[in-house]
Protein backbone atom coordinates (compact mmCIF):
# COMPACT_ATOMS: atom_id res chain seq x y z
CA UNK A 1 69.82 115.67 120.60
CA UNK A 2 71.70 114.08 123.48
CA UNK A 3 73.55 111.94 120.67
CA UNK A 4 74.35 114.94 118.85
CA UNK A 5 75.83 116.65 122.03
CA UNK A 6 77.81 113.71 122.53
CA UNK A 7 79.20 113.57 119.27
CA UNK A 8 80.07 117.34 119.30
CA UNK A 9 81.67 116.84 122.68
CA UNK A 10 83.70 114.11 121.36
CA UNK A 11 85.17 116.55 118.65
CA UNK A 12 85.87 119.17 121.25
CA UNK A 13 88.04 116.82 123.35
CA UNK A 14 89.95 115.96 120.16
CA UNK A 15 90.80 119.50 119.53
CA UNK A 16 91.58 120.17 123.23
CA UNK A 17 94.28 117.41 122.72
CA UNK A 18 95.53 119.26 119.67
CA UNK A 19 95.99 122.45 121.55
CA UNK A 20 98.01 120.98 124.19
CA UNK A 21 100.16 119.16 121.93
CA UNK A 22 103.79 120.08 120.95
CA UNK A 23 104.81 117.04 118.94
CA UNK A 24 102.12 115.22 117.21
CA UNK A 25 102.32 112.05 115.17
CA UNK A 26 99.63 110.98 112.74
CA UNK A 27 99.55 107.43 111.50
CA UNK A 28 97.45 106.57 108.45
CA UNK A 29 96.35 103.37 107.10
CA UNK A 30 94.45 102.40 103.63
CA UNK A 31 91.14 103.59 105.32
CA UNK A 32 92.00 107.25 104.66
CA UNK A 33 92.49 106.47 100.70
CA UNK A 34 89.15 104.30 100.59
CA UNK A 35 87.20 107.53 100.16
CA UNK A 36 89.35 108.37 97.00
CA UNK A 37 88.59 105.20 95.47
CA UNK A 38 91.61 102.98 96.46
CA UNK A 39 90.42 99.72 98.14
CA UNK A 40 91.76 98.80 101.55
CA UNK A 41 93.49 95.32 101.80
CA UNK A 42 91.56 93.91 104.54
CA UNK A 43 88.05 95.41 104.52
CA UNK A 44 85.13 93.31 103.19
CA UNK A 45 85.51 94.92 99.61
CA UNK A 46 89.40 94.96 99.97
CA UNK A 47 92.03 93.70 97.75
CA UNK A 48 92.61 90.60 99.63
CA UNK A 49 88.90 89.47 99.03
CA UNK A 50 88.96 88.88 95.15
CA UNK A 51 91.80 86.64 93.64
CA UNK A 52 92.45 84.80 90.41
CA UNK A 53 92.23 81.27 89.16
CA UNK A 54 95.99 80.68 90.00
CA UNK A 55 96.91 83.20 92.56
CA UNK A 56 95.61 85.52 95.12
CA UNK A 57 96.48 89.16 95.98
CA UNK A 58 98.60 87.84 98.93
CA UNK A 59 100.86 86.03 96.49
CA UNK A 60 101.60 89.32 94.23
CA UNK A 61 102.65 91.33 97.36
CA UNK A 62 105.50 89.33 98.42
CA UNK A 63 109.03 89.59 97.19
CA UNK A 64 109.14 85.68 96.98
CA UNK A 65 106.60 85.96 94.14
CA UNK A 66 108.38 88.65 92.43
CA UNK A 67 111.48 86.64 92.03
CA UNK A 68 109.41 83.79 90.83
CA UNK A 69 107.28 85.54 88.30
CA UNK A 70 108.49 89.09 88.05
CA UNK A 71 106.21 89.62 84.81
CA UNK A 72 102.98 89.07 86.48
CA UNK A 73 103.75 91.28 89.54
CA UNK A 74 104.95 94.06 87.45
CA UNK A 75 101.69 93.88 85.47
CA UNK A 76 99.82 93.87 88.81
CA UNK A 77 101.59 96.87 89.85
CA UNK A 78 101.11 98.51 86.49
CA UNK A 79 97.22 98.43 87.19
CA UNK A 80 97.48 99.47 90.70
CA UNK A 81 99.66 102.69 89.64
CA UNK A 82 96.84 103.14 87.00
CA UNK A 83 94.04 103.06 89.48
CA UNK A 84 96.13 105.45 91.99
CA UNK A 85 96.86 108.02 89.31
CA UNK A 86 93.19 108.18 88.60
CA UNK A 87 92.39 108.79 92.25
CA UNK A 88 92.31 112.14 93.92
CA UNK A 89 93.11 113.11 97.53
CA UNK A 90 89.97 113.41 99.54
CA UNK A 91 89.05 115.78 102.24
CA UNK A 92 90.75 113.68 104.91
CA UNK A 93 94.03 114.17 103.00
CA UNK A 94 93.63 117.88 102.58
CA UNK A 95 92.53 118.31 106.48
CA UNK A 96 95.95 116.73 107.68
CA UNK A 97 97.84 118.95 105.15
CA UNK A 98 96.13 121.96 106.90
CA UNK A 99 96.84 120.58 110.23
CA UNK A 100 100.40 120.12 109.47
CA UNK A 101 100.79 123.86 108.16
CA UNK A 102 98.98 125.11 111.09
CA UNK A 103 101.08 123.33 113.76
CA UNK A 104 104.34 124.27 111.92
CA UNK A 105 103.31 127.75 111.80
CA UNK A 106 102.90 127.66 115.52
CA UNK A 107 106.11 126.14 116.09
CA UNK A 108 105.10 122.66 116.96
CA UNK A 109 106.50 119.52 115.68
CA UNK A 110 104.45 117.39 113.24
CA UNK A 111 105.03 114.04 111.57
CA UNK A 112 102.64 112.08 109.26
CA UNK A 113 103.49 108.44 109.13
CA UNK A 114 101.74 106.52 106.51
CA UNK A 115 101.45 102.90 105.62
CA UNK A 116 100.07 103.90 102.27
CA UNK A 117 102.04 103.64 98.94
CA UNK A 118 99.69 105.89 96.96
CA UNK A 119 101.50 109.30 97.20
CA UNK A 120 97.94 111.21 98.00
CA UNK A 121 99.34 112.88 101.31
CA UNK A 122 101.75 114.57 99.20
CA UNK A 123 99.51 115.43 96.45
CA UNK A 124 97.22 117.04 99.04
CA UNK A 125 100.17 119.11 100.31
CA UNK A 126 101.71 117.35 103.19
CA UNK A 127 105.32 117.80 103.46
CA UNK A 128 106.33 116.14 106.85
CA UNK A 129 105.59 112.61 105.51
CA UNK A 130 107.46 109.19 106.44
CA UNK A 131 106.50 106.60 104.15
CA UNK A 132 107.18 103.27 106.07
CA UNK A 133 106.02 100.78 103.36
CA UNK A 134 107.42 102.73 100.49
CA UNK A 135 105.82 104.48 97.26
CA UNK A 136 104.35 102.55 94.38
CA UNK A 137 105.92 105.01 91.97
CA UNK A 138 109.53 104.57 92.96
CA UNK A 139 111.67 101.44 91.68
CA UNK A 140 115.10 100.07 92.68
CA UNK A 141 117.24 96.86 91.52
CA UNK A 142 115.99 93.97 92.94
CA UNK A 143 119.49 92.67 93.76
CA UNK A 144 119.21 93.96 97.23
CA UNK A 145 122.83 93.21 98.40
CA UNK A 146 124.73 94.17 95.44
CA UNK A 147 128.51 94.88 96.53
CA UNK A 148 128.51 98.35 94.68
CA UNK A 149 125.38 99.44 96.32
CA UNK A 150 123.70 100.45 93.25
CA UNK A 151 120.57 98.83 94.68
CA UNK A 152 120.10 101.80 96.65
CA UNK A 153 119.27 104.39 93.94
CA UNK A 154 115.71 104.94 93.49
CA UNK A 155 113.89 106.01 90.40
CA UNK A 156 110.51 107.35 89.47
CA UNK A 157 108.94 105.03 87.02
CA UNK A 158 105.28 105.03 85.58
CA UNK A 159 104.70 101.54 84.38
CA UNK A 160 102.35 102.78 81.74
CA UNK A 161 105.31 104.21 79.86
CA UNK A 162 107.05 100.93 79.60
CA UNK A 163 106.45 99.02 76.52
CA UNK A 164 108.00 95.58 77.42
CA UNK A 165 108.72 93.87 80.63
CA UNK A 166 112.44 93.39 79.52
CA UNK A 167 112.91 97.27 79.51
CA UNK A 168 112.53 96.82 83.36
CA UNK A 169 116.02 95.71 83.69
CA UNK A 170 118.76 97.15 85.83
CA UNK A 171 121.32 98.77 83.54
CA UNK A 172 124.03 97.65 85.98
CA UNK A 173 123.25 93.94 86.67
CA UNK A 174 120.35 93.10 84.41
CA UNK A 175 118.20 92.27 87.34
CA UNK A 176 114.62 93.13 87.17
CA UNK A 177 113.59 96.73 88.88
CA UNK A 178 111.25 96.23 91.71
CA UNK A 179 108.91 98.74 93.23
CA UNK A 180 110.09 100.12 96.43
CA UNK A 181 107.27 98.59 98.41
CA UNK A 182 107.43 96.36 101.48
CA UNK A 183 106.59 93.00 100.74
CA UNK A 184 104.49 90.98 102.96
CA UNK A 185 107.32 88.49 103.47
CA UNK A 186 109.84 91.22 104.06
CA UNK A 187 111.22 92.97 107.10
CA UNK A 188 111.36 96.87 107.42
CA UNK A 189 114.63 98.21 106.19
CA UNK A 190 115.97 101.65 106.86
CA UNK A 191 117.78 101.85 103.49
CA UNK A 192 114.48 102.07 101.74
CA UNK A 193 111.92 102.99 104.33
CA UNK A 194 111.66 106.12 106.78
CA UNK A 195 111.69 103.73 109.87
CA UNK A 196 114.66 105.58 111.61
CA UNK A 197 112.79 109.01 111.24
CA UNK A 198 109.67 107.49 112.73
CA UNK A 199 111.57 105.79 115.64
CA UNK A 200 113.34 109.11 116.42
CA UNK A 201 110.11 111.23 116.51
CA UNK A 202 108.09 108.60 118.48
CA UNK A 203 110.47 109.33 121.44
CA UNK A 204 109.26 113.07 121.65
CA UNK A 205 105.56 112.71 120.49
CA UNK A 206 102.84 114.01 122.85
CA UNK A 207 99.78 113.10 120.89
CA UNK A 208 99.17 110.29 118.25
CA UNK A 209 96.27 110.39 115.80
CA UNK A 210 95.65 107.24 114.14
CA UNK A 211 93.37 107.03 110.74
CA UNK A 212 91.99 104.39 109.05
CA UNK A 213 94.47 101.35 109.94
CA UNK A 214 93.81 98.09 111.38
CA UNK A 215 97.28 97.97 113.04
CA UNK A 216 97.98 94.54 111.47
CA UNK A 217 101.65 95.40 110.42
CA UNK A 218 104.58 95.29 113.01
CA UNK A 219 105.81 98.93 113.05
CA UNK A 220 102.38 100.63 113.33
CA UNK A 221 101.42 98.08 115.89
CA UNK A 222 104.30 98.82 118.15
CA UNK A 223 104.13 102.51 117.65
CA UNK A 224 100.48 102.55 118.90
CA UNK A 225 101.65 100.13 121.63
CA UNK A 226 104.60 102.24 122.80
CA UNK A 227 102.16 105.36 122.96
CA UNK A 228 99.71 103.31 125.19
CA UNK A 229 102.70 102.18 127.34
CA UNK A 230 103.84 105.53 127.96
CA UNK A 231 100.30 107.13 128.30
CA UNK A 232 100.40 109.42 125.36
CA UNK A 233 96.91 110.53 124.27
CA UNK A 234 95.47 108.77 121.08
CA UNK A 235 92.64 109.99 118.91
CA UNK A 236 91.37 107.11 116.72
CA UNK A 237 89.41 107.94 113.56
CA UNK A 238 88.22 104.87 112.10
CA UNK A 239 84.45 103.58 111.04
CA UNK A 240 85.33 100.53 112.65
CA UNK A 241 87.63 101.20 115.66
CA UNK A 242 90.71 99.06 116.58
CA UNK A 243 91.48 100.61 119.96
CA UNK A 244 87.98 101.57 121.10
CA UNK A 245 88.29 102.24 124.76
CA UNK A 246 91.88 102.23 124.80
CA UNK A 247 91.95 105.33 122.78
CA UNK A 248 91.57 108.80 124.39
CA UNK A 249 89.17 109.94 121.89
CA UNK A 250 87.39 107.62 119.36
CA UNK A 251 85.52 108.79 116.37
CA UNK A 252 83.72 106.12 114.36
CA UNK A 253 83.53 108.22 111.38
CA UNK A 254 85.29 108.00 108.06
CA UNK A 255 88.51 110.34 107.70
CA UNK A 256 87.15 112.46 105.12
CA UNK A 257 84.25 113.48 107.41
CA UNK A 258 85.73 113.46 110.75
CA UNK A 259 89.18 115.09 110.04
CA UNK A 260 87.63 118.30 108.08
CA UNK A 261 85.54 118.85 111.11
CA UNK A 262 88.37 118.73 113.61
CA UNK A 263 90.56 120.93 111.70
CA UNK A 264 87.91 123.51 111.35
CA UNK A 265 87.11 123.72 115.22
CA UNK A 266 91.00 123.73 115.84
CA UNK A 267 91.39 126.76 113.50
C-alpha cells in the first residue's frame, strides 16, 4: 500500500509541475516508439545488437557508407520504412497529442522535440513537432552543397513504390537521393533539421519532459544539460532512467503507461 501511495504521489507531483508551466518542452527518444513495435537503437533488443556477416547497423546509419554503398543503404531504409508503416501510434503518442491540445487551448506554449524519424507523433495528432533527426519518409539530393541549392528541396518518397535503385537519382545532377535523416557521422544542420526552432524555444521553457531517451546524441544531451543548469524542472519517463536523482520527477515506467495516467490526472 505504501508503495502504491508513493507512486500515486509521484504522478501528482508531475501534474503539479504541468499546472505551473507556461512553456513546456517534451523531448522524446526511441523508447516511446518501442511499444509500437519499433526497436530502439541501444536497448538489449535494439537495432545495434544484430548485424550481418559483412556490415553492422552502425555502418548503414552513416553518410559515409551511403556514399560507398547507396544501394545497400537504400534497401535498408526500405525495410525500415515498411516496419514503420505497419506500426501504429501507441497510448504514449496519443497522450502527448492530448497534452499539446490542452496546453494550447489554455494559451500556454508547447513544443514536442523528437529524435525519432518515424512520424508517429504526427499520426497521433501532434502538431507542434520539431524533428531534430529528420524523417524517414522525406528525401533530398545527396549533393549537399550544390550551387543551385536544389539539394534543399525535400520530397516524400515511399521506397516500396520504387522498382529500381537507379530510379532514385536526382533529376538535376543525377546523384542518388538520400533520406533526410541525420547520420551518425554528421552534424546538426539547420537547413534540414529543426534545430533553430528548438534552440529558440529552449530559452523560454519552464518545464521539460524527457521520454524514452538515453541522451546519447549531442543536441538532446545539451538541451537537458541546459535545463539542469537553469534549474528548469524535469520530468523523466523511462523504464531505465538516465537522470534518476537529477530529475525533479522520475517515473520508471513505459511511456504508453505513464503518459496517459499523467494526462488523465491533469485533465
